[in-house]
Amino acid sequence: MLDSEVGKLIEIIGRLPTLGERSAHRIVVHLLKRKHTTMSSLIKVLQNVYDTSVKCEICNNIDVSTPCTICSSTKRDKSIICVVSDIADVWAIERAGFYNGLYHVIGGKLSAVDGTGPKDLDIDGLLKRMEKNNVSEVIIAMSADMDGKTTTFYIQSQIKCKDVKVSIISHGIPSGGEFDYLDNSTIISAFKGRQLLN
């Protein structure tokens, strides 16, 4: 069984975040029982997303077009940029449904342990956007762990424009916590209680 195509499917699904082998078994059994409905629809959607998804040339979000729907929207406040480490953070903040500015995904956090330095993150892209556009505030939305704090401090140190407010979200975000695991009210409170750094 484990050497079969079904076994390979179980193994691949089991590698997904928060899933293990037992959850993967249950998912595959569910899909096999609904081969002509659920599995067929899933295959079509996965193929479509695979074929059409692209990284936004402006903010690094993933969407079906570039610029993404957030960057190209005329209803967003383009004077505010929220800096996050990962695409999942954008989606979690959007899910909360209160923030109306733009985003910049830097692609991780500075980490001596993991060997992630400034050149591995898209901080230069953020600074170039600030130079080109009329940005009044940069909100740095990192977790409160050591890597998040280090990244926040580094980004703040690179923003030279005195006319731009730099703020951080209040830390109702647990140390090491990710936005995706937080409820909407916690995310909203963290943004509303943000503190100025300059």
Protein backbone atom coordinates (compact mmCIF):
# COMPACT_ATOMS: atom_id res chain seq x y z
CA MET A 1 0.00 0.00 0.00
CA LEU A 2 2.70 2.51 1.01
CA ASP A 3 4.62 1.79 -2.22
CA SER A 4 1.52 2.46 -4.32
CA GLU A 5 0.31 5.77 -5.75
CA VAL A 6 -2.19 5.96 -2.87
CA GLY A 7 0.70 5.57 -0.43
CA LYS A 8 2.57 8.39 -2.17
CA LEU A 9 -0.52 10.59 -1.87
CA ILE A 10 -0.76 9.86 1.86
CA GLU A 11 2.93 10.71 2.25
CA ILE A 12 2.61 14.03 0.37
CA ILE A 13 -0.51 15.13 2.28
CA GLY A 14 1.14 14.11 5.55
CA ARG A 15 3.94 16.61 4.87
CA LEU A 16 1.51 19.55 4.82
CA PRO A 17 1.58 21.91 7.84
CA THR A 18 -0.38 20.71 10.91
CA LEU A 19 -1.09 17.34 9.28
CA GLY A 20 0.50 14.03 10.13
CA GLU A 21 0.23 10.47 8.86
CA ARG A 22 -3.08 9.70 10.59
CA SER A 23 -4.75 12.87 9.30
CA ALA A 24 -3.35 12.15 5.83
CA HIS A 25 -4.88 8.65 5.91
CA ARG A 26 -8.31 10.08 6.80
CA ILE A 27 -8.12 12.73 4.07
CA VAL A 28 -7.10 10.21 1.39
CA VAL A 29 -9.87 7.78 2.41
CA HIS A 30 -12.35 10.67 2.24
CA LEU A 31 -11.12 11.65 -1.23
CA LEU A 32 -11.17 8.08 -2.55
CA LYS A 33 -14.74 7.57 -1.36
CA ARG A 34 -15.71 10.76 -3.21
CA LYS A 35 -13.49 10.28 -6.25
CA HIS A 36 -15.95 11.69 -8.81
CA THR A 37 -17.03 14.70 -6.76
CA THR A 38 -14.61 16.03 -4.12
CA MET A 39 -11.41 14.57 -5.57
CA SER A 40 -12.29 15.58 -9.13
CA SER A 41 -13.06 19.17 -8.04
CA LEU A 42 -9.88 19.33 -5.96
CA ILE A 43 -7.74 18.19 -8.90
CA LYS A 44 -9.24 20.85 -11.19
CA VAL A 45 -8.81 23.64 -8.62
CA LEU A 46 -5.23 22.61 -7.77
CA GLN A 47 -4.31 22.53 -11.47
CA ASN A 48 -5.92 25.91 -12.04
CA VAL A 49 -4.10 27.49 -9.08
CA TYR A 50 -0.85 25.88 -10.22
CA ASP A 51 -1.29 27.28 -13.74
CA THR A 52 -2.40 30.79 -12.80
CA SER A 53 -0.75 31.74 -9.49
CA VAL A 54 2.10 34.26 -9.62
CA LYS A 55 4.13 36.32 -7.17
CA CYS A 56 3.15 39.99 -7.09
CA GLU A 57 5.95 42.12 -8.54
CA ILE A 58 5.22 44.86 -5.99
CA CYS A 59 4.47 43.26 -2.60
CA ASN A 60 5.44 39.56 -3.07
CA ASN A 61 1.94 38.30 -2.29
CA ILE A 62 0.67 35.31 -4.29
CA ASP A 63 -2.34 35.91 -6.54
CA VAL A 64 -3.57 35.13 -10.06
CA SER A 65 -2.27 38.43 -11.42
CA THR A 66 0.61 40.81 -10.91
CA PRO A 67 0.22 43.39 -9.51
CA CYS A 68 -2.04 41.47 -7.12
CA THR A 69 -5.63 42.50 -6.43
CA ILE A 70 -4.57 44.29 -3.22
CA CYS A 71 -1.84 46.38 -4.89
CA SER A 72 -4.00 47.22 -7.89
CA SER A 73 -7.13 48.13 -5.90
CA THR A 74 -8.21 51.77 -6.11
CA LYS A 75 -9.99 51.44 -2.75
CA ARG A 76 -6.86 50.72 -0.67
CA ASP A 77 -4.98 53.40 1.29
CA LYS A 78 -1.67 53.47 -0.58
CA SER A 79 -0.03 55.70 2.04
CA ILE A 80 0.23 52.82 4.56
CA ILE A 81 2.36 49.69 4.11
CA CYS A 82 2.18 46.77 6.52
CA VAL A 83 5.41 44.74 6.55
CA VAL A 84 4.96 41.02 7.22
CA SER A 85 7.27 38.03 7.08
CA ASP A 86 5.06 35.63 5.14
CA ILE A 87 2.17 35.45 2.67
CA ALA A 88 0.06 33.63 5.28
CA ASP A 89 0.25 36.79 7.43
CA VAL A 90 -1.32 38.84 4.61
CA TRP A 91 -4.16 36.37 4.27
CA ALA A 92 -4.78 36.26 8.04
CA ILE A 93 -4.91 40.08 8.30
CA GLU A 94 -7.20 40.23 5.26
CA ARG A 95 -9.43 37.59 6.85
CA ALA A 96 -9.92 39.91 9.84
CA GLY A 97 -11.37 42.43 7.38
CA PHE A 98 -10.37 45.75 8.97
CA TYR A 99 -7.03 46.81 7.43
CA ASN A 100 -7.26 48.89 4.27
CA GLY A 101 -3.63 49.66 3.46
CA LEU A 102 -1.03 47.83 1.37
CA TYR A 103 1.44 45.07 2.32
CA HIS A 104 5.04 44.12 1.77
CA VAL A 105 6.05 40.47 2.29
CA ILE A 106 9.76 40.30 3.06
CA GLY A 107 9.91 36.49 2.92
CA GLY A 108 11.02 35.52 6.42
CA LYS A 109 12.81 36.94 9.45
CA LEU A 110 16.43 37.63 10.23
CA SER A 111 17.87 34.60 12.00
CA ALA A 112 21.46 33.86 12.98
CA VAL A 113 20.49 30.24 13.70
CA ASP A 114 18.95 29.69 10.26
CA GLY A 115 21.57 31.82 8.52
CA THR A 116 19.00 34.31 7.22
CA GLY A 117 20.53 37.74 6.65
CA PRO A 118 19.23 41.04 5.22
CA LYS A 119 20.13 40.00 1.66
CA ASP A 120 17.84 36.96 1.98
CA LEU A 121 14.82 39.18 2.66
CA ASP A 122 13.14 41.74 0.41
CA ILE A 123 13.78 44.77 2.60
CA ASP A 124 15.37 46.69 -0.30
CA GLY A 125 12.09 46.29 -2.21
CA LEU A 126 10.25 47.94 0.67
CA LEU A 127 12.68 50.87 0.76
CA LYS A 128 12.39 51.39 -3.01
CA ARG A 129 8.59 51.44 -2.74
CA MET A 130 8.83 54.08 -0.03
CA GLU A 131 11.07 56.24 -2.23
CA LYS A 132 8.71 56.04 -5.22
CA ASN A 133 5.38 56.42 -3.40
CA ASN A 134 3.89 58.87 -0.96
CA VAL A 135 4.05 56.59 2.12
CA SER A 136 3.08 58.14 5.47
CA GLU A 137 3.25 55.07 7.73
CA VAL A 138 5.01 51.71 7.79
CA ILE A 139 3.48 49.17 10.19
CA ILE A 140 5.91 46.39 11.08
CA ALA A 141 3.89 43.29 11.95
CA MET A 142 6.31 40.66 13.20
CA SER A 143 5.92 38.11 15.99
CA ALA A 144 7.42 38.95 19.38
CA ASP A 145 10.12 36.27 19.30
CA MET A 146 13.82 37.18 19.09
CA ASP A 147 13.96 36.87 15.29
CA GLY A 148 10.85 39.06 14.92
CA LYS A 149 12.31 41.74 17.21
CA THR A 150 15.66 41.66 15.41
CA THR A 151 13.91 42.02 12.03
CA THR A 152 11.76 44.88 13.33
CA PHE A 153 14.82 46.74 14.66
CA TYR A 154 16.70 46.24 11.38
CA ILE A 155 13.82 47.49 9.21
CA GLN A 156 13.38 50.52 11.47
CA SER A 157 17.10 51.31 11.19
CA GLN A 158 16.91 51.23 7.37
CA ILE A 159 14.00 53.69 7.09
CA LYS A 160 15.73 57.05 6.77
CA CYS A 161 12.76 59.21 5.77
CA LYS A 162 11.76 61.37 8.75
CA ASP A 163 8.31 62.06 7.32
CA VAL A 164 7.30 58.39 7.55
CA LYS A 165 5.82 57.08 10.80
CA VAL A 166 7.14 53.65 11.78
CA SER A 167 4.95 51.64 14.13
CA ILE A 168 4.79 48.08 15.46
CA ILE A 169 1.71 46.09 16.33
CA SER A 170 1.00 45.75 20.03
CA HIS A 171 2.09 42.40 21.27
CA GLY A 172 -1.06 40.57 22.01
CA ILE A 173 0.67 38.39 19.42
CA PRO A 174 2.28 35.60 21.47
CA SER A 175 6.03 35.07 21.32
CA GLY A 176 6.69 32.84 18.34
CA GLY A 177 3.04 33.15 17.32
CA GLU A 178 1.92 33.36 13.72
CA PHE A 179 -1.00 35.46 12.47
CA ASP A 180 -2.63 32.46 10.86
CA TYR A 181 -3.32 30.89 14.28
CA LEU A 182 -4.84 34.03 15.81
CA ASP A 183 -8.50 34.91 15.95
CA ASN A 184 -9.70 38.04 14.15
CA SER A 185 -10.31 40.11 17.31
CA THR A 186 -6.72 39.54 18.51
CA ILE A 187 -5.34 40.68 15.15
CA ILE A 188 -7.57 43.76 15.12
CA SER A 189 -6.57 44.67 18.70
CA ALA A 190 -2.87 44.27 17.85
CA PHE A 191 -3.20 46.75 14.98
CA LYS A 192 -5.38 49.25 16.82
CA GLY A 193 -2.93 49.25 19.73
CA ARG A 194 0.15 49.71 17.54
CA GLN A 195 2.95 51.84 18.95
CA LEU A 196 5.11 54.41 17.18
CA LEU A 197 8.83 53.68 17.05
CA ASN A 198 9.87 57.14 15.83
